[in-house]
PDB file of all heavy atoms in Angstrom:
ATOM      1  N   ALA A   1    -122.513 -70.202 -67.265  1.00  0.00           N
ATOM      2  CA  ALA A   1    -123.342 -69.002 -67.132  1.00  0.00           C
ATOM      3  C   ALA A   1    -123.146 -68.283 -65.808  1.00  0.00           C
ATOM      4  O   ALA A   1    -123.648 -67.170 -65.634  1.00  0.00           O
ATOM      5  CB  ALA A   1    -124.819 -69.375 -67.296  1.00  0.00           C
ATOM      6  N   ALA A   2    -122.451 -68.886 -64.869  1.00  0.00           N
ATOM      7  CA  ALA A   2    -122.286 -68.307 -63.535  1.00  0.00           C
ATOM      8  C   ALA A   2    -121.067 -67.387 -63.512  1.00  0.00           C
ATOM      9  O   ALA A   2    -119.929 -67.848 -63.343  1.00  0.00           O
ATOM     10  CB  ALA A   2    -122.149 -69.410 -62.495  1.00  0.00           C
ATOM     11  N   ALA A   3    -121.300 -66.098 -63.654  1.00  0.00           N
ATOM     12  CA  ALA A   3    -120.207 -65.132 -63.693  1.00  0.00           C
ATOM     13  C   ALA A   3    -119.438 -65.127 -62.379  1.00  0.00           C
ATOM     14  O   ALA A   3    -120.027 -65.111 -61.294  1.00  0.00           O
ATOM     15  CB  ALA A   3    -120.762 -63.740 -63.989  1.00  0.00           C
ATOM     16  N   GLY A   4    -118.124 -65.177 -62.484  1.00  0.00           N
ATOM     17  CA  GLY A   4    -117.276 -65.114 -61.305  1.00  0.00           C
ATOM     18  C   GLY A   4    -117.055 -66.433 -60.620  1.00  0.00           C
ATOM     19  O   GLY A   4    -116.364 -66.492 -59.588  1.00  0.00           O
ATOM     20  N   ILE A   5    -117.612 -67.505 -61.167  1.00  0.00           N
ATOM     21  CA  ILE A   5    -117.464 -68.836 -60.560  1.00  0.00           C
ATOM     22  C   ILE A   5    -116.875 -69.791 -61.591  1.00  0.00           C
ATOM     23  O   ILE A   5    -117.360 -69.875 -62.728  1.00  0.00           O
ATOM     24  CB  ILE A   5    -118.805 -69.358 -60.031  1.00  0.00           C
ATOM     25  CG1 ILE A   5    -119.272 -68.502 -58.847  1.00  0.00           C
ATOM     26  CG2 ILE A   5    -118.718 -70.831 -59.624  1.00  0.00           C
ATOM     27  CD1 ILE A   5    -120.624 -68.876 -58.291  1.00  0.00           C
ATOM     28  N   GLU A   6    -115.837 -70.505 -61.195  1.00  0.00           N
ATOM     29  CA  GLU A   6    -115.175 -71.466 -62.069  1.00  0.00           C
ATOM     30  C   GLU A   6    -115.403 -72.886 -61.550  1.00  0.00           C
ATOM     31  O   GLU A   6    -115.874 -73.092 -60.422  1.00  0.00           O
ATOM     32  CB  GLU A   6    -113.664 -71.174 -62.124  1.00  0.00           C
ATOM     33  CG  GLU A   6    -113.317 -69.753 -62.522  1.00  0.00           C
ATOM     34  CD  GLU A   6    -113.697 -69.436 -63.953  1.00  0.00           C
ATOM     35  OE1 GLU A   6    -113.807 -70.394 -64.751  1.00  0.00           O
ATOM     36  OE2 GLU A   6    -113.873 -68.249 -64.274  1.00  0.00           O
ATOM     37  N   ALA A   7    -115.040 -73.853 -62.375  1.00  0.00           N
ATOM     38  CA  ALA A   7    -115.216 -75.255 -61.992  1.00  0.00           C
ATOM     39  C   ALA A   7    -114.507 -75.564 -60.682  1.00  0.00           C
ATOM     40  O   ALA A   7    -115.012 -76.314 -59.841  1.00  0.00           O
ATOM     41  CB  ALA A   7    -114.698 -76.158 -63.115  1.00  0.00           C
ATOM     42  N   ALA A   8    -113.328 -74.979 -60.493  1.00  0.00           N
ATOM     43  CA  ALA A   8    -112.556 -75.251 -59.284  1.00  0.00           C
ATOM     44  C   ALA A   8    -113.215 -74.719 -58.021  1.00  0.00           C
ATOM     45  O   ALA A   8    -112.856 -75.131 -56.911  1.00  0.00           O
ATOM     46  CB  ALA A   8    -111.156 -74.650 -59.430  1.00  0.00           C
ATOM     47  N   ASP A   9    -114.203 -73.814 -58.180  1.00  0.00           N
ATOM     48  CA  ASP A   9    -114.872 -73.230 -57.022  1.00  0.00           C
ATOM     49  C   ASP A   9    -115.979 -74.128 -56.464  1.00  0.00           C
ATOM     50  O   ASP A   9    -116.409 -73.934 -55.323  1.00  0.00           O
ATOM     51  CB  ASP A   9    -115.495 -71.881 -57.393  1.00  0.00           C
ATOM     52  CG  ASP A   9    -114.453 -70.847 -57.788  1.00  0.00           C
ATOM     53  OD1 ASP A   9    -113.403 -70.807 -57.129  1.00  0.00           O
ATOM     54  OD2 ASP A   9    -114.695 -70.103 -58.751  1.00  0.00           O
ATOM     55  N   VAL A  10    -116.459 -75.079 -57.244  1.00  0.00           N
ATOM     56  CA  VAL A  10    -117.590 -75.909 -56.812  1.00  0.00           C
ATOM     57  C   VAL A  10    -117.183 -76.780 -55.632  1.00  0.00           C
ATOM     58  O   VAL A  10    -116.188 -77.508 -55.685  1.00  0.00           O
ATOM     59  CB  VAL A  10    -118.105 -76.786 -57.972  1.00  0.00           C
ATOM     60  CG1 VAL A  10    -119.211 -77.722 -57.489  1.00  0.00           C
ATOM     61  CG2 VAL A  10    -118.621 -75.905 -59.113  1.00  0.00           C
ATOM     62  N   THR A  11    -117.955 -76.688 -54.562  1.00  0.00           N
ATOM     63  CA  THR A  11    -117.659 -77.453 -53.347  1.00  0.00           C
ATOM     64  C   THR A  11    -118.628 -78.617 -53.123  1.00  0.00           C
ATOM     65  O   THR A  11    -118.300 -79.573 -52.429  1.00  0.00           O
ATOM     66  CB  THR A  11    -117.726 -76.535 -52.119  1.00  0.00           C
ATOM     67  OG1 THR A  11    -119.035 -75.929 -52.039  1.00  0.00           O
ATOM     68  CG2 THR A  11    -116.670 -75.443 -52.197  1.00  0.00           C
ATOM     69  N   HIS A  12    -119.835 -78.514 -53.701  1.00  0.00           N
ATOM     70  CA  HIS A  12    -120.861 -79.536 -53.514  1.00  0.00           C
ATOM     71  C   HIS A  12    -121.565 -79.793 -54.845  1.00  0.00           C
ATOM     72  O   HIS A  12    -121.819 -78.852 -55.603  1.00  0.00           O
ATOM     73  CB  HIS A  12    -121.928 -79.099 -52.508  1.00  0.00           C
ATOM     74  CG  HIS A  12    -121.416 -78.788 -51.136  1.00  0.00           C
ATOM     75  ND1 HIS A  12    -120.652 -77.665 -50.866  1.00  0.00           N
ATOM     76  CD2 HIS A  12    -121.582 -79.437 -49.947  1.00  0.00           C
ATOM     77  CE1 HIS A  12    -120.368 -77.633 -49.577  1.00  0.00           C
ATOM     78  NE2 HIS A  12    -120.907 -78.692 -48.995  1.00  0.00           N
ATOM     79  N   VAL A  13    -121.907 -81.043 -55.098  1.00  0.00           N
ATOM     80  CA  VAL A  13    -122.744 -81.423 -56.244  1.00  0.00           C
ATOM     81  C   VAL A  13    -123.932 -82.207 -55.711  1.00  0.00           C
ATOM     82  O   VAL A  13    -123.755 -83.196 -54.983  1.00  0.00           O
ATOM     83  CB  VAL A  13    -121.965 -82.271 -57.268  1.00  0.00           C
ATOM     84  CG1 VAL A  13    -122.904 -82.792 -58.352  1.00  0.00           C
ATOM     85  CG2 VAL A  13    -120.832 -81.458 -57.890  1.00  0.00           C
ATOM     86  N   VAL A  14    -125.130 -81.758 -56.074  1.00  0.00           N
ATOM     87  CA  VAL A  14    -126.361 -82.449 -55.694  1.00  0.00           C
ATOM     88  C   VAL A  14    -127.103 -82.825 -56.973  1.00  0.00           C
ATOM     89  O   VAL A  14    -127.458 -81.946 -57.762  1.00  0.00           O
ATOM     90  CB  VAL A  14    -127.267 -81.566 -54.810  1.00  0.00           C
ATOM     91  CG1 VAL A  14    -128.512 -82.351 -54.392  1.00  0.00           C
ATOM     92  CG2 VAL A  14    -126.517 -81.055 -53.591  1.00  0.00           C
ATOM     93  N   THR A  15    -127.306 -84.115 -57.205  1.00  0.00           N
ATOM     94  CA  THR A  15    -128.035 -84.556 -58.387  1.00  0.00           C
ATOM     95  C   THR A  15    -129.392 -85.123 -57.983  1.00  0.00           C
ATOM     96  O   THR A  15    -129.579 -85.607 -56.866  1.00  0.00           O
ATOM     97  CB  THR A  15    -127.239 -85.616 -59.171  1.00  0.00           C
ATOM     98  OG1 THR A  15    -126.852 -86.679 -58.289  1.00  0.00           O
ATOM     99  CG2 THR A  15    -125.996 -85.000 -59.787  1.00  0.00           C
ATOM    100  N   VAL A  16    -130.328 -85.037 -58.926  1.00  0.00           N
ATOM    101  CA  VAL A  16    -131.716 -85.419 -58.665  1.00  0.00           C
ATOM    102  C   VAL A  16    -132.245 -86.222 -59.842  1.00  0.00           C
ATOM    103  O   VAL A  16    -132.078 -85.821 -60.996  1.00  0.00           O
ATOM    104  CB  VAL A  16    -132.610 -84.173 -58.482  1.00  0.00           C
ATOM    105  CG1 VAL A  16    -134.039 -84.572 -58.160  1.00  0.00           C
ATOM    106  CG2 VAL A  16    -132.057 -83.244 -57.420  1.00  0.00           C
ATOM    107  N   SER A  17    -132.894 -87.359 -59.565  1.00  0.00           N
ATOM    108  CA  SER A  17    -133.546 -88.112 -60.631  1.00  0.00           C
ATOM    109  C   SER A  17    -134.389 -89.243 -60.033  1.00  0.00           C
ATOM    110  O   SER A  17    -134.045 -89.788 -58.981  1.00  0.00           O
ATOM    111  CB  SER A  17    -132.512 -88.719 -61.595  1.00  0.00           C
ATOM    112  OG  SER A  17    -133.128 -89.236 -62.753  1.00  0.00           O
ATOM    113  N   CYS A  18    -135.462 -89.579 -60.728  1.00  0.00           N
ATOM    114  CA  CYS A  18    -136.299 -90.699 -60.279  1.00  0.00           C
ATOM    115  C   CYS A  18    -136.608 -91.667 -61.412  1.00  0.00           C
ATOM    116  O   CYS A  18    -137.465 -92.539 -61.269  1.00  0.00           O
ATOM    117  CB  CYS A  18    -137.607 -90.182 -59.670  1.00  0.00           C
ATOM    118  SG  CYS A  18    -138.745 -89.422 -60.852  1.00  0.00           S
ATOM    119  N   THR A  19    -135.911 -91.533 -62.552  1.00  0.00           N
ATOM    120  CA  THR A  19    -136.255 -92.350 -63.718  1.00  0.00           C
ATOM    121  C   THR A  19    -135.200 -93.392 -64.055  1.00  0.00           C
ATOM    122  O   THR A  19    -135.267 -94.024 -65.114  1.00  0.00           O
ATOM    123  CB  THR A  19    -136.519 -91.446 -64.932  1.00  0.00           C
ATOM    124  OG1 THR A  19    -135.479 -90.458 -65.039  1.00  0.00           O
ATOM    125  CG2 THR A  19    -137.845 -90.734 -64.780  1.00  0.00           C
ATOM    126  N   GLY A  20    -134.222 -93.595 -63.165  1.00  0.00           N
ATOM    127  CA  GLY A  20    -133.233 -94.627 -63.389  1.00  0.00           C
ATOM    128  C   GLY A  20    -132.184 -94.618 -62.285  1.00  0.00           C
ATOM    129  O   GLY A  20    -132.154 -93.721 -61.436  1.00  0.00           O
ATOM    130  N   PHE A  21    -131.317 -95.653 -62.311  1.00  0.00           N
ATOM    131  CA  PHE A  21    -130.283 -95.813 -61.296  1.00  0.00           C
ATOM    132  C   PHE A  21    -129.006 -96.347 -61.941  1.00  0.00           C
ATOM    133  O   PHE A  21    -129.071 -97.198 -62.832  1.00  0.00           O
ATOM    134  CB  PHE A  21    -130.703 -96.810 -60.213  1.00  0.00           C
ATOM    135  CG  PHE A  21    -131.976 -96.475 -59.488  1.00  0.00           C
ATOM    136  CD1 PHE A  21    -133.191 -96.967 -59.930  1.00  0.00           C
ATOM    137  CD2 PHE A  21    -131.954 -95.673 -58.354  1.00  0.00           C
ATOM    138  CE1 PHE A  21    -134.364 -96.674 -59.264  1.00  0.00           C
ATOM    139  CE2 PHE A  21    -133.120 -95.377 -57.670  1.00  0.00           C
ATOM    140  CZ  PHE A  21    -134.329 -95.871 -58.120  1.00  0.00           C
ATOM    141  N   PHE A  22    -127.852 -95.872 -61.473  1.00  0.00           N
ATOM    142  CA  PHE A  22    -126.580 -96.512 -61.801  1.00  0.00           C
ATOM    143  C   PHE A  22    -125.523 -95.961 -60.857  1.00  0.00           C
ATOM    144  O   PHE A  22    -125.668 -94.885 -60.276  1.00  0.00           O
ATOM    145  CB  PHE A  22    -126.181 -96.299 -63.270  1.00  0.00           C
ATOM    146  CG  PHE A  22    -125.935 -94.862 -63.659  1.00  0.00           C
ATOM    147  CD1 PHE A  22    -124.651 -94.332 -63.650  1.00  0.00           C
ATOM    148  CD2 PHE A  22    -126.975 -94.043 -64.074  1.00  0.00           C
ATOM    149  CE1 PHE A  22    -124.408 -93.019 -64.027  1.00  0.00           C
ATOM    150  CE2 PHE A  22    -126.753 -92.729 -64.455  1.00  0.00           C
ATOM    151  CZ  PHE A  22    -125.461 -92.218 -64.436  1.00  0.00           C
ATOM    152  N   ALA A  23    -124.453 -96.715 -60.693  1.00  0.00           N
ATOM    153  CA  ALA A  23    -123.354 -96.290 -59.824  1.00  0.00           C
ATOM    154  C   ALA A  23    -122.034 -96.768 -60.432  1.00  0.00           C
ATOM    155  O   ALA A  23    -121.957 -97.895 -60.929  1.00  0.00           O
ATOM    156  CB  ALA A  23    -123.538 -96.862 -58.420  1.00  0.00           C
ATOM    157  N   PRO A  24    -120.968 -95.945 -60.393  1.00  0.00           N
ATOM    158  CA  PRO A  24    -121.015 -94.581 -59.876  1.00  0.00           C
ATOM    159  C   PRO A  24    -122.001 -93.737 -60.674  1.00  0.00           C
ATOM    160  O   PRO A  24    -122.105 -93.877 -61.890  1.00  0.00           O
ATOM    161  CB  PRO A  24    -119.579 -94.087 -60.032  1.00  0.00           C
ATOM    162  CG  PRO A  24    -118.970 -94.968 -61.070  1.00  0.00           C
ATOM    163  CD  PRO A  24    -119.639 -96.292 -60.935  1.00  0.00           C
ATOM    164  N   GLY A  25    -122.720 -92.879 -59.962  1.00  0.00           N
ATOM    165  CA  GLY A  25    -123.883 -92.225 -60.518  1.00  0.00           C
ATOM    166  C   GLY A  25    -123.619 -90.908 -61.206  1.00  0.00           C
ATOM    167  O   GLY A  25    -122.468 -90.539 -61.498  1.00  0.00           O
ATOM    168  N   PRO A  26    -124.695 -90.161 -61.485  1.00  0.00           N
ATOM    169  CA  PRO A  26    -124.562 -88.898 -62.223  1.00  0.00           C
ATOM    170  C   PRO A  26    -123.716 -87.867 -61.504  1.00  0.00           C
ATOM    171  O   PRO A  26    -123.046 -87.050 -62.145  1.00  0.00           O
ATOM    172  CB  PRO A  26    -126.012 -88.433 -62.379  1.00  0.00           C
ATOM    173  CG  PRO A  26    -126.788 -89.178 -61.348  1.00  0.00           C
ATOM    174  CD  PRO A  26    -126.103 -90.485 -61.200  1.00  0.00           C
ATOM    175  N   ASP A  27    -123.720 -87.883 -60.172  1.00  0.00           N
ATOM    176  CA  ASP A  27    -122.868 -86.955 -59.423  1.00  0.00           C
ATOM    177  C   ASP A  27    -121.396 -87.189 -59.766  1.00  0.00           C
ATOM    178  O   ASP A  27    -120.629 -86.243 -59.994  1.00  0.00           O
ATOM    179  CB  ASP A  27    -123.118 -87.119 -57.923  1.00  0.00           C
ATOM    180  CG  ASP A  27    -123.053 -88.567 -57.470  1.00  0.00           C
ATOM    181  OD1 ASP A  27    -123.689 -89.421 -58.122  1.00  0.00           O
ATOM    182  OD2 ASP A  27    -122.369 -88.863 -56.472  1.00  0.00           O
TER     183      ASP A  27
END
């Protein structure tokens, strides 16, 4: 949905959750 932005443009990923844990995680 982000016009003008592609997957290759993403520089940071921030994930949020408090209902479970695993690693390597959702990020």
